[in-house]
């Protein structure tokens, strides 16, 4: 039987991803993606904030290459889990989040962004002229 639980969406990270190492040595990365919906009947934009969890190498890739505001494409599956609130232990909380199987760049990586926004280009040393003390005006 084919896997029917597939989610594909794109959006921007609302904050820097949080990478944590689990007790078994593997990594998990949690982050939230803001996804715009089509305009409603009143012509207003709506945004959904989707919780995402990535594991192992995908978690490391997200942590290394993505930061707040960067566009990202997520392919994964929707998962739900239940937990108890410490303050109200009898109250069970249901949470849905996307388990990211893979992520894709929808824009520049952090490294590309840093290189393209340099304030001053790195000069070529061969373009400089040697100046001696006798040629200085002071």
N, C-alpha and C. Protein backbone atom coordinates (compact mmCIF):
# COMPACT_ATOMS: atom_id res chain seq x y z
N UNK A 1 0.84 -1.18 0.00
CA UNK A 1 0.00 0.00 0.00
C UNK A 1 0.89 1.24 0.00
N UNK A 2 0.52 2.22 -0.77
CA UNK A 2 1.28 3.47 -0.89
C UNK A 2 1.15 4.31 0.37
N UNK A 3 2.19 5.08 0.65
CA UNK A 3 2.19 6.01 1.78
C UNK A 3 1.29 7.19 1.43
N UNK A 4 0.21 7.37 2.16
CA UNK A 4 -0.75 8.43 1.85
C UNK A 4 -0.56 9.68 2.68
N UNK A 5 0.30 9.64 3.67
CA UNK A 5 0.49 10.79 4.55
C UNK A 5 1.69 11.60 4.06
N UNK A 6 1.47 12.46 3.08
CA UNK A 6 2.52 13.30 2.53
C UNK A 6 2.11 14.77 2.59
N UNK A 7 3.08 15.60 2.96
CA UNK A 7 2.85 17.04 3.05
C UNK A 7 3.98 17.72 2.30
N UNK A 8 3.64 18.68 1.46
CA UNK A 8 4.64 19.50 0.77
C UNK A 8 4.17 20.95 0.90
N UNK A 9 5.05 21.81 1.41
CA UNK A 9 4.69 23.21 1.52
C UNK A 9 5.95 24.06 1.54
N UNK A 10 5.75 25.35 1.32
CA UNK A 10 6.86 26.29 1.34
C UNK A 10 6.48 27.48 2.20
N UNK A 11 7.48 28.10 2.79
CA UNK A 11 7.24 29.27 3.62
C UNK A 11 8.57 29.82 4.11
N UNK A 12 8.49 30.65 5.14
CA UNK A 12 9.71 31.26 5.71
C UNK A 12 9.80 30.89 7.18
N UNK A 13 11.03 30.65 7.63
CA UNK A 13 11.25 30.35 9.04
C UNK A 13 10.92 31.56 9.90
N UNK A 14 10.19 31.35 10.99
CA UNK A 14 9.79 32.44 11.87
C UNK A 14 10.88 32.77 12.88
N UNK A 15 11.83 31.87 13.06
CA UNK A 15 12.93 32.07 14.00
C UNK A 15 14.07 31.15 13.59
N UNK A 16 15.23 31.31 14.19
CA UNK A 16 16.34 30.40 13.92
C UNK A 16 15.98 29.01 14.41
N UNK A 17 16.33 27.96 13.65
CA UNK A 17 16.02 26.60 14.09
C UNK A 17 16.81 26.23 15.34
N UNK A 18 16.21 25.38 16.17
CA UNK A 18 16.84 24.93 17.41
C UNK A 18 17.32 23.50 17.24
N UNK A 19 18.63 23.29 17.25
CA UNK A 19 19.21 21.96 17.11
C UNK A 19 19.54 21.42 18.49
N UNK A 20 19.10 20.19 18.77
CA UNK A 20 19.38 19.54 20.05
C UNK A 20 19.88 18.12 19.78
N UNK A 21 20.77 17.66 20.65
CA UNK A 21 21.26 16.30 20.53
C UNK A 21 20.50 15.43 21.52
N UNK A 22 19.99 14.29 21.04
CA UNK A 22 19.24 13.37 21.87
C UNK A 22 20.19 12.47 22.65
N UNK A 23 19.66 11.77 23.63
CA UNK A 23 20.48 10.90 24.47
C UNK A 23 21.15 9.78 23.67
N UNK A 24 20.56 9.39 22.54
CA UNK A 24 21.16 8.34 21.71
C UNK A 24 22.21 8.88 20.74
N UNK A 25 22.48 10.20 20.78
CA UNK A 25 23.51 10.80 19.94
C UNK A 25 23.01 11.41 18.65
N UNK A 26 21.77 11.12 18.25
CA UNK A 26 21.24 11.71 17.02
C UNK A 26 20.71 13.10 17.31
N UNK A 27 20.39 13.83 16.25
CA UNK A 27 19.97 15.22 16.38
C UNK A 27 18.50 15.40 16.04
N UNK A 28 17.89 16.42 16.66
CA UNK A 28 16.54 16.85 16.33
C UNK A 28 16.56 18.36 16.21
N UNK A 29 15.79 18.87 15.27
CA UNK A 29 15.72 20.30 15.05
C UNK A 29 14.25 20.70 14.95
N UNK A 30 13.84 21.64 15.79
CA UNK A 30 12.46 22.14 15.76
C UNK A 30 12.46 23.57 15.23
N UNK A 31 11.49 23.86 14.39
CA UNK A 31 11.35 25.20 13.85
C UNK A 31 9.91 25.40 13.37
N UNK A 32 9.55 26.65 13.14
CA UNK A 32 8.21 26.99 12.68
C UNK A 32 8.32 27.70 11.34
N UNK A 33 7.42 27.35 10.43
CA UNK A 33 7.40 27.94 9.10
C UNK A 33 6.09 28.70 8.91
N UNK A 34 6.20 29.95 8.49
CA UNK A 34 5.02 30.77 8.18
C UNK A 34 4.67 30.56 6.71
N UNK A 35 3.43 30.12 6.46
CA UNK A 35 2.96 29.85 5.10
C UNK A 35 1.76 30.73 4.79
N UNK A 36 1.84 31.45 3.72
CA UNK A 36 0.73 32.31 3.31
C UNK A 36 -0.33 31.49 2.61
N UNK A 37 -1.59 31.79 2.90
CA UNK A 37 -2.72 31.18 2.21
C UNK A 37 -3.21 32.15 1.15
N UNK A 38 -4.09 31.65 0.34
CA UNK A 38 -4.74 32.55 -0.62
C UNK A 38 -5.58 33.56 0.15
N UNK A 39 -5.84 34.67 -0.49
CA UNK A 39 -6.65 35.72 0.15
C UNK A 39 -8.05 35.19 0.40
N UNK A 40 -8.62 35.65 1.53
CA UNK A 40 -9.98 35.23 1.86
C UNK A 40 -10.98 36.07 1.07
N UNK A 41 -12.26 35.89 1.35
CA UNK A 41 -13.32 36.61 0.62
C UNK A 41 -13.25 38.12 0.82
N UNK A 42 -12.63 38.58 1.90
CA UNK A 42 -12.49 40.01 2.16
C UNK A 42 -11.21 40.57 1.54
N UNK A 43 -10.46 39.74 0.85
CA UNK A 43 -9.22 40.18 0.21
C UNK A 43 -8.03 40.27 1.16
N UNK A 44 -8.17 39.70 2.36
CA UNK A 44 -7.09 39.75 3.34
C UNK A 44 -6.21 38.50 3.24
N UNK A 45 -4.89 38.71 3.42
CA UNK A 45 -3.97 37.59 3.45
C UNK A 45 -4.06 36.87 4.79
N UNK A 46 -3.96 35.58 4.76
CA UNK A 46 -3.94 34.77 5.98
C UNK A 46 -2.63 33.98 5.99
N UNK A 47 -2.11 33.76 7.19
CA UNK A 47 -0.86 33.03 7.34
C UNK A 47 -1.05 31.90 8.34
N UNK A 48 -0.54 30.73 8.00
CA UNK A 48 -0.52 29.60 8.92
C UNK A 48 0.90 29.45 9.45
N UNK A 49 1.02 29.09 10.71
CA UNK A 49 2.32 28.85 11.34
C UNK A 49 2.41 27.36 11.64
N UNK A 50 3.29 26.68 10.92
CA UNK A 50 3.36 25.23 10.97
C UNK A 50 4.61 24.79 11.72
N UNK A 51 4.40 23.97 12.76
CA UNK A 51 5.51 23.42 13.53
C UNK A 51 6.12 22.25 12.77
N UNK A 52 7.46 22.25 12.73
CA UNK A 52 8.18 21.22 11.98
C UNK A 52 9.26 20.62 12.87
N UNK A 53 9.46 19.32 12.74
CA UNK A 53 10.56 18.63 13.42
C UNK A 53 11.36 17.87 12.37
N UNK A 54 12.67 18.01 12.42
CA UNK A 54 13.56 17.28 11.53
C UNK A 54 14.53 16.48 12.39
N UNK A 55 14.94 15.33 11.91
CA UNK A 55 15.82 14.46 12.66
C UNK A 55 17.07 14.11 11.85
N UNK A 56 18.09 13.67 12.58
CA UNK A 56 19.35 13.16 12.04
C UNK A 56 19.99 14.16 11.08
N UNK A 57 20.34 13.72 9.87
CA UNK A 57 21.07 14.59 8.94
C UNK A 57 20.20 15.74 8.44
N UNK A 58 18.90 15.53 8.34
CA UNK A 58 18.01 16.62 7.92
C UNK A 58 18.02 17.72 8.97
N UNK A 59 18.05 17.34 10.26
CA UNK A 59 18.12 18.33 11.34
C UNK A 59 19.40 19.14 11.25
N UNK A 60 20.52 18.47 11.00
CA UNK A 60 21.80 19.17 10.88
C UNK A 60 21.81 20.11 9.68
N UNK A 61 21.22 19.66 8.56
CA UNK A 61 21.16 20.48 7.35
C UNK A 61 20.36 21.75 7.60
N UNK A 62 19.21 21.63 8.27
CA UNK A 62 18.38 22.80 8.55
C UNK A 62 19.13 23.77 9.46
N UNK A 63 19.72 23.24 10.51
CA UNK A 63 20.43 24.08 11.47
C UNK A 63 21.61 24.81 10.83
N UNK A 64 22.31 24.15 9.94
CA UNK A 64 23.50 24.70 9.31
C UNK A 64 23.17 25.71 8.21
N UNK A 65 22.08 25.51 7.48
CA UNK A 65 21.83 26.27 6.27
C UNK A 65 20.65 27.24 6.30
N UNK A 66 19.83 27.20 7.33
CA UNK A 66 18.64 28.03 7.36
C UNK A 66 18.63 28.90 8.62
N UNK A 67 18.03 30.08 8.51
CA UNK A 67 17.90 30.97 9.65
C UNK A 67 16.58 31.74 9.50
N UNK A 68 16.27 32.52 10.50
CA UNK A 68 15.02 33.28 10.52
C UNK A 68 14.82 34.07 9.22
N UNK A 69 13.62 33.96 8.66
CA UNK A 69 13.26 34.72 7.47
C UNK A 69 13.59 34.04 6.16
N UNK A 70 14.38 32.97 6.19
CA UNK A 70 14.78 32.32 4.94
C UNK A 70 13.66 31.43 4.41
N UNK A 71 13.46 31.44 3.10
CA UNK A 71 12.44 30.56 2.52
C UNK A 71 12.92 29.11 2.50
N UNK A 72 11.98 28.19 2.68
CA UNK A 72 12.29 26.77 2.74
C UNK A 72 11.14 25.98 2.14
N UNK A 73 11.47 24.86 1.53
CA UNK A 73 10.46 23.93 1.02
C UNK A 73 10.58 22.66 1.87
N UNK A 74 9.47 22.19 2.39
CA UNK A 74 9.43 21.02 3.26
C UNK A 74 8.67 19.89 2.58
N UNK A 75 9.24 18.70 2.61
CA UNK A 75 8.53 17.48 2.21
C UNK A 75 8.53 16.57 3.43
N UNK A 76 7.36 16.14 3.86
CA UNK A 76 7.31 15.30 5.04
C UNK A 76 5.96 14.68 5.24
N UNK A 77 5.67 14.37 6.50
CA UNK A 77 4.38 13.77 6.83
C UNK A 77 3.85 14.42 8.11
N UNK A 78 2.55 14.43 8.24
CA UNK A 78 1.90 15.01 9.40
C UNK A 78 1.86 13.96 10.51
N UNK A 79 2.30 14.36 11.71
CA UNK A 79 2.28 13.46 12.86
C UNK A 79 1.59 14.16 14.02
N UNK A 80 0.93 13.39 14.85
CA UNK A 80 0.28 13.92 16.04
C UNK A 80 0.81 13.19 17.26
N UNK A 81 0.82 13.89 18.38
CA UNK A 81 1.17 13.26 19.65
C UNK A 81 0.43 13.98 20.78
N UNK A 82 0.35 13.32 21.91
CA UNK A 82 -0.36 13.83 23.07
C UNK A 82 0.63 13.97 24.22
N UNK A 83 0.46 15.04 25.00
CA UNK A 83 1.29 15.20 26.19
C UNK A 83 0.45 15.83 27.29
N UNK A 84 0.96 15.71 28.52
CA UNK A 84 0.29 16.29 29.68
C UNK A 84 0.99 17.58 30.07
N UNK A 85 0.21 18.57 30.41
CA UNK A 85 0.73 19.83 30.88
C UNK A 85 1.14 19.66 32.35
N UNK A 86 2.32 20.14 32.73
CA UNK A 86 2.79 19.99 34.11
C UNK A 86 1.85 20.69 35.10
N UNK A 87 1.33 21.83 34.69
CA UNK A 87 0.44 22.59 35.57
C UNK A 87 -0.92 21.91 35.72
N UNK A 88 -1.40 21.29 34.64
CA UNK A 88 -2.70 20.61 34.64
C UNK A 88 -2.49 19.18 34.15
N UNK A 89 -2.03 18.27 35.02
CA UNK A 89 -1.68 16.92 34.58
C UNK A 89 -2.86 16.11 34.05
N UNK A 90 -4.07 16.44 34.42
CA UNK A 90 -5.23 15.69 33.92
C UNK A 90 -5.66 16.14 32.53
N UNK A 91 -5.13 17.27 32.09
CA UNK A 91 -5.48 17.81 30.77
C UNK A 91 -4.50 17.29 29.73
N UNK A 92 -5.00 16.59 28.74
CA UNK A 92 -4.16 16.06 27.67
C UNK A 92 -4.15 17.03 26.49
N UNK A 93 -2.96 17.35 26.02
CA UNK A 93 -2.81 18.27 24.90
C UNK A 93 -2.49 17.46 23.63
N UNK A 94 -3.22 17.74 22.56
CA UNK A 94 -2.95 17.11 21.27
C UNK A 94 -2.20 18.09 20.39
N UNK A 95 -1.13 17.63 19.79
CA UNK A 95 -0.29 18.49 18.95
C UNK A 95 -0.09 17.82 17.60
N UNK A 96 -0.17 18.62 16.56
CA UNK A 96 0.14 18.14 15.21
C UNK A 96 1.35 18.91 14.71
N UNK A 97 2.31 18.19 14.15
CA UNK A 97 3.47 18.84 13.55
C UNK A 97 3.90 18.04 12.34
N UNK A 98 4.68 18.69 11.50
CA UNK A 98 5.18 18.02 10.30
C UNK A 98 6.54 17.42 10.62
N UNK A 99 6.70 16.16 10.29
CA UNK A 99 7.98 15.47 10.38
C UNK A 99 8.65 15.64 9.02
N UNK A 100 9.72 16.42 8.98
CA UNK A 100 10.38 16.72 7.71
C UNK A 100 11.24 15.55 7.26
N UNK A 101 10.88 14.95 6.14
CA UNK A 101 11.70 13.89 5.56
C UNK A 101 12.87 14.50 4.78
N UNK A 102 12.59 15.63 4.10
CA UNK A 102 13.64 16.34 3.38
C UNK A 102 13.27 17.81 3.28
N UNK A 103 14.29 18.64 3.13
CA UNK A 103 14.10 20.08 3.00
C UNK A 103 14.87 20.56 1.78
N UNK A 104 14.38 21.64 1.19
CA UNK A 104 15.00 22.17 -0.03
C UNK A 104 15.15 23.68 0.10
N UNK A 105 16.13 24.22 -0.56
CA UNK A 105 16.36 25.65 -0.58
C UNK A 105 15.36 26.31 -1.52
N UNK A 106 14.72 27.36 -1.03
CA UNK A 106 13.82 28.14 -1.87
C UNK A 106 14.43 29.51 -2.12
N UNK A 107 15.65 29.72 -1.70
CA UNK A 107 16.37 30.97 -1.85
C UNK A 107 17.84 30.70 -1.64
N UNK A 108 18.58 31.71 -1.24
CA UNK A 108 20.01 31.56 -1.01
C UNK A 108 20.28 30.90 0.33
N UNK A 109 21.38 30.14 0.42
CA UNK A 109 21.81 29.57 1.69
C UNK A 109 22.41 30.66 2.55
N UNK A 110 22.64 30.37 3.83
CA UNK A 110 23.27 31.35 4.72
C UNK A 110 24.64 31.76 4.18
N UNK A 111 25.41 30.80 3.68
CA UNK A 111 26.75 31.10 3.16
C UNK A 111 26.66 31.99 1.92
N UNK A 112 25.74 31.69 1.02
CA UNK A 112 25.57 32.52 -0.18
C UNK A 112 25.12 33.93 0.19
N UNK A 113 24.24 34.02 1.17
CA UNK A 113 23.75 35.32 1.62
C UNK A 113 24.88 36.16 2.20
N UNK A 114 25.73 35.53 3.02
CA UNK A 114 26.84 36.26 3.63
C UNK A 114 27.83 36.74 2.57
N UNK A 115 28.10 35.91 1.58
CA UNK A 115 29.03 36.30 0.52
C UNK A 115 28.47 37.39 -0.37
N UNK A 116 27.17 37.38 -0.61
CA UNK A 116 26.59 38.35 -1.53
C UNK A 116 26.31 39.70 -0.87
N UNK A 117 26.34 39.75 0.45
CA UNK A 117 26.03 41.01 1.13
C UNK A 117 27.27 41.65 1.74
N UNK A 118 28.44 41.27 1.26
CA UNK A 118 29.66 41.87 1.79
C UNK A 118 29.66 43.36 1.50
N UNK A 119 30.00 44.18 2.49
CA UNK A 119 29.99 45.62 2.34
C UNK A 119 31.12 46.06 1.41
N UNK A 120 32.29 45.47 1.57
CA UNK A 120 33.44 45.82 0.76
C UNK A 120 33.94 44.57 0.05
N UNK A 121 34.17 44.66 -1.26
CA UNK A 121 34.73 43.49 -1.94
C UNK A 121 36.17 43.26 -1.49
N UNK A 122 36.60 42.02 -1.53
CA UNK A 122 37.98 41.70 -1.16
C UNK A 122 38.88 42.14 -2.31
N UNK A 123 39.83 43.06 -2.04
CA UNK A 123 40.67 43.58 -3.12
C UNK A 123 41.72 42.56 -3.57
N UNK A 124 42.13 42.70 -4.82
CA UNK A 124 43.22 41.88 -5.36
C UNK A 124 44.53 42.58 -5.01
N UNK A 125 45.43 41.89 -4.36
CA UNK A 125 46.69 42.48 -3.89
C UNK A 125 47.54 42.96 -5.06
N UNK A 126 47.37 42.38 -6.23
CA UNK A 126 48.16 42.77 -7.40
C UNK A 126 47.76 44.12 -7.97
N UNK A 127 46.62 44.66 -7.55
CA UNK A 127 46.16 45.94 -8.05
C UNK A 127 46.74 47.12 -7.27
N UNK A 128 47.47 46.87 -6.19
CA UNK A 128 48.03 47.94 -5.38
C UNK A 128 49.41 48.35 -5.89
N UNK A 129 49.71 49.62 -5.70
CA UNK A 129 51.00 50.19 -6.09
C UNK A 129 51.86 50.33 -4.84
N UNK A 130 53.12 49.94 -4.93
CA UNK A 130 54.01 50.03 -3.79
C UNK A 130 54.41 51.48 -3.55
N UNK A 131 54.37 51.92 -2.31
CA UNK A 131 54.73 53.29 -1.94
C UNK A 131 55.94 53.23 -1.02
N UNK A 132 56.92 54.05 -1.31
CA UNK A 132 58.11 54.11 -0.46
C UNK A 132 57.99 55.31 0.47
N UNK A 133 58.82 55.35 1.50
CA UNK A 133 58.79 56.47 2.45
C UNK A 133 59.10 57.80 1.79
N UNK A 134 59.93 57.81 0.76
CA UNK A 134 60.30 59.06 0.10
C UNK A 134 59.14 59.65 -0.71
N UNK A 135 58.16 58.85 -1.07
CA UNK A 135 57.04 59.36 -1.86
C UNK A 135 55.89 59.85 -1.00
N UNK A 136 55.98 59.69 0.31
CA UNK A 136 54.92 60.17 1.19
C UNK A 136 55.00 61.68 1.37
N UNK A 137 53.87 62.39 1.38
CA UNK A 137 53.89 63.85 1.49
C UNK A 137 54.14 64.36 2.91
N UNK A 138 54.22 63.54 3.88
CA UNK A 138 54.42 64.02 5.24
C UNK A 138 55.62 63.38 5.89
